[in-house]
Protein backbone atom coordinates (compact mmCIF):
# COMPACT_ATOMS: atom_id res chain seq x y z
CA MET A 1 0.77 10.07 -5.56
CA LYS A 2 -0.69 13.02 -3.77
CA GLY A 3 1.66 15.82 -2.87
CA ARG A 4 4.30 15.02 -5.50
CA LYS A 5 4.89 17.22 -8.51
CA SER A 6 5.35 15.72 -11.96
CA GLY A 7 8.59 16.19 -13.88
CA TRP A 8 6.94 18.76 -16.17
CA ILE A 9 5.78 20.92 -13.26
CA ILE A 10 9.22 20.78 -11.64
CA GLY A 11 10.80 21.76 -14.97
CA ILE A 12 8.42 24.71 -15.38
CA ASP A 13 9.09 25.83 -11.77
CA ILE A 14 12.85 25.74 -12.38
CA SER A 15 12.47 27.67 -15.67
CA ILE A 16 10.40 30.39 -13.99
CA GLY A 17 12.97 30.65 -11.19
CA VAL A 18 15.87 30.97 -13.65
CA LEU A 19 14.03 33.64 -15.70
CA ALA A 20 13.15 35.61 -12.55
CA ALA A 21 16.74 35.43 -11.31
CA ALA A 22 18.04 36.59 -14.73
CA ALA A 23 15.57 39.51 -14.79
CA LEU A 24 16.55 40.61 -11.27
CA LEU A 25 20.23 40.26 -12.12
CA TYR A 26 19.74 42.55 -15.13
CA VAL A 27 17.67 45.13 -13.23
CA PHE A 28 19.93 45.45 -10.18
CA PHE A 29 23.43 44.83 -11.55
CA ILE A 30 23.50 45.62 -15.27
CA ASN A 31 20.86 48.33 -15.63
CA THR A 32 21.78 51.88 -14.57
CA ASP A 33 18.24 53.33 -14.43
CA ASN A 34 17.41 53.97 -10.75
CA THR A 35 13.68 54.39 -11.47
CA LEU A 36 13.51 50.83 -12.86
CA LYS A 37 15.36 49.55 -9.78
CA MET A 38 12.92 51.35 -7.47
CA TYR A 39 9.77 50.03 -9.23
CA THR A 40 11.21 46.51 -9.44
CA SER A 41 12.00 46.60 -5.71
CA LEU A 42 8.45 47.77 -4.98
CA VAL A 43 6.89 45.00 -7.14
CA CYS A 44 9.16 42.36 -5.52
CA ALA A 45 8.16 43.54 -2.04
CA ILE A 46 4.45 43.40 -2.91
CA VAL A 47 4.74 39.94 -4.50
CA LEU A 48 6.71 38.56 -1.55
CA SER A 49 4.21 40.06 0.91
CA VAL A 50 1.27 38.47 -0.91
CA ILE A 51 3.04 35.10 -1.08
CA GLY A 52 3.93 35.31 2.60
CA PHE A 53 0.35 36.21 3.50
CA ILE A 54 -1.08 33.36 1.45
CA TYR A 55 1.27 30.69 2.76
CA TYR A 56 1.66 31.75 6.37
CA ARG A 57 -1.54 33.57 7.34
CA ILE A 58 -4.28 31.67 5.56
CA PRO A 59 -4.56 28.01 6.57
CA VAL A 60 -4.25 25.61 3.66
CA ASP A 61 -7.59 24.02 2.94
CA GLN A 62 -7.25 20.35 3.77
CA PRO A 63 -10.13 17.95 3.65
CA GLU A 64 -11.14 17.15 7.19
CA ARG A 65 -10.68 13.53 8.14
CA GLU A 66 -13.81 11.88 9.33
CA ALA A 67 -13.68 11.10 13.01
CA ILE A 68 -13.31 7.42 13.84
CA ALA A 69 -16.31 6.44 15.95
CA LYS A 70 -16.15 2.67 16.39
CA LEU A 71 -14.39 -0.64 15.85
CA ILE A 72 -16.33 -3.56 14.41
CA LEU A 73 -15.37 -7.19 15.00
CA LEU A 74 -15.80 -9.10 11.72
CA ASN A 75 -16.32 -12.82 11.20
CA GLU A 76 -14.77 -14.89 8.39
CA ASP A 77 -17.49 -13.71 5.96
CA GLY A 78 -16.88 -10.03 6.80
CA GLU A 79 -20.11 -9.70 8.78
CA SER A 80 -20.31 -7.63 11.96
CA ILE A 81 -20.26 -9.63 15.20
CA LYS A 82 -19.65 -6.96 17.83
CA GLU A 83 -19.03 -3.20 17.97
CA TRP A 84 -17.15 -0.89 20.32
CA TYR A 85 -17.88 2.84 20.25
CA ILE A 86 -14.60 4.67 20.84
CA GLN A 87 -15.52 8.28 20.09
CA GLY A 88 -14.47 10.53 22.96
CA GLU A 89 -11.91 8.03 24.30
CA THR A 90 -8.18 8.72 24.37
CA SER A 91 -6.57 5.34 25.04
CA LEU A 92 -7.93 1.80 24.77
CA LEU A 93 -6.32 -1.54 25.57
CA ILE A 94 -7.05 -4.41 23.16
CA GLY A 95 -6.77 -8.01 24.37
CA LYS A 96 -8.62 -10.49 26.55
CA SER A 97 -10.18 -9.75 29.91
CA SER A 98 -9.30 -12.13 32.70
CA GLY A 99 -9.26 -12.34 36.47
CA GLN A 100 -5.99 -10.40 36.33
CA GLY A 101 -7.53 -7.39 34.64
CA GLU A 102 -10.01 -5.93 32.21
CA VAL A 103 -9.34 -4.59 28.71
CA ASP A 104 -11.33 -1.97 26.79
CA ILE A 105 -11.68 -3.98 23.58
CA ASP A 106 -12.28 -7.55 24.80
CA LEU A 107 -11.63 -10.23 22.19
CA THR A 108 -12.09 -13.18 24.54
CA ASP A 109 -15.01 -14.48 22.45
CA ALA A 110 -13.29 -14.00 19.08
CA GLU A 111 -12.76 -17.05 16.87
CA TYR A 112 -8.96 -16.83 17.17
CA ALA A 113 -8.91 -15.81 20.84
CA SER A 114 -6.25 -18.43 21.61
CA LEU A 115 -3.78 -16.37 19.50
CA ILE A 116 -4.56 -13.09 21.28
CA ASN A 117 -2.52 -11.95 24.27
CA ARG A 118 -4.18 -10.64 27.43
CA GLU A 119 -2.69 -7.22 26.57
CA HIS A 120 -2.15 -7.37 22.82
CA ALA A 121 -2.30 -3.81 21.47
CA VAL A 122 -3.19 -0.28 22.47
CA LEU A 123 -5.16 2.41 20.62
CA ASN A 124 -4.19 6.00 21.38
CA ARG A 125 -5.81 9.19 20.12
CA ASN A 126 -4.19 12.58 19.86
CA GLU A 127 -5.22 15.78 18.07
CA THR A 128 -4.34 14.28 14.66
CA GLY A 129 -6.20 10.97 14.99
CA TRP A 130 -6.05 7.39 16.23
CA PHE A 131 -2.88 5.28 16.33
CA ILE A 132 -2.39 1.60 17.13
CA GLU A 133 0.65 -0.04 18.72
CA ASP A 134 1.53 -3.70 19.15
CA ILE A 135 2.48 -4.29 22.81
CA ASP A 136 5.07 -7.00 22.09
CA SER A 137 2.40 -9.59 21.34
CA GLY A 138 3.36 -13.03 20.10
CA SER A 139 1.13 -13.10 17.03
CA GLY A 140 1.37 -9.44 16.10
CA VAL A 141 -0.82 -6.64 14.78
CA GLY A 142 -1.42 -6.06 11.10
CA ILE A 143 -3.16 -3.28 9.20
CA GLN A 144 -4.78 -3.37 5.80
CA LYS A 145 -5.22 0.22 4.69
CA SER A 146 -8.58 1.07 3.17
CA GLY A 147 -8.58 0.43 -0.57
CA ARG A 148 -5.06 -1.00 -0.63
CA GLY A 149 -3.51 -4.41 -1.05
CA PRO A 150 -2.50 -6.97 1.53
CA ARG A 151 -2.03 -6.23 5.18
CA GLY A 152 1.30 -5.31 6.66
CA ARG A 153 2.56 -6.46 10.04
CA GLN A 154 3.37 -3.63 12.42
CA GLU A 155 6.62 -3.25 14.30
CA VAL A 156 6.36 -3.72 18.06
CA GLU A 157 5.76 -0.47 19.95
CA GLU A 158 5.67 1.51 16.68
CA PRO A 159 2.49 3.64 16.42
CA HIS A 160 0.62 3.43 13.13
CA ARG A 161 -2.12 5.84 12.07
CA LEU A 162 -5.60 4.46 11.51
CA ASP A 163 -8.17 5.81 9.06
CA ILE A 164 -11.80 4.98 8.43
CA GLY A 165 -12.07 1.79 6.39
CA ASP A 166 -8.79 0.26 7.61
CA ILE A 167 -8.88 -3.32 8.88
CA VAL A 168 -6.80 -4.09 11.96
CA TYR A 169 -5.67 -7.67 12.44
CA ILE A 170 -5.15 -8.73 16.04
CA ALA A 171 -3.58 -12.14 15.38
CA ASN A 172 -6.13 -13.43 12.82
CA THR A 173 -9.05 -11.45 14.27
CA ARG A 174 -10.29 -8.60 12.09
CA LEU A 175 -11.48 -5.24 13.39
CA LEU A 176 -12.95 -2.75 10.90
CA VAL A 177 -12.31 0.91 11.70
CA LYS A 178 -15.43 3.06 11.18
């Protein structure tokens, strides 16, 4: 679980906070030496300035996510059938092209095309990455996150973030995110 602290770390953090509060309580309310109060105030100001600078001025190093460049249509054996390069796009409609309109990711020739709506799902990109939404399709959209267990069906019109290695299920048709 990334981003969560263990019980030991939380306990140590609480202990340090209690000790610091006790020390400040002694220095400012029990102690009568003004020199100690002055130096303690100076040290507190420096420490708080450094902490503020570190947390608010210097961006936290986060590993950059690789940019999603394409979607790959997979067959039953997991082999690539067709690819769509999506880098540089902002919004793509997934479904089946017909005389009534064209889609960006055309699954007309997919094995389970009969289960795919004309306008089945939409991919949208913003500054944080790609998201997919089910457009009230009959057979749904599922996502199997890279390196995780079984796929989960997405709620209609609820955007879900995509990462490299995820598999998107449009009905029973699989699209690998690369």
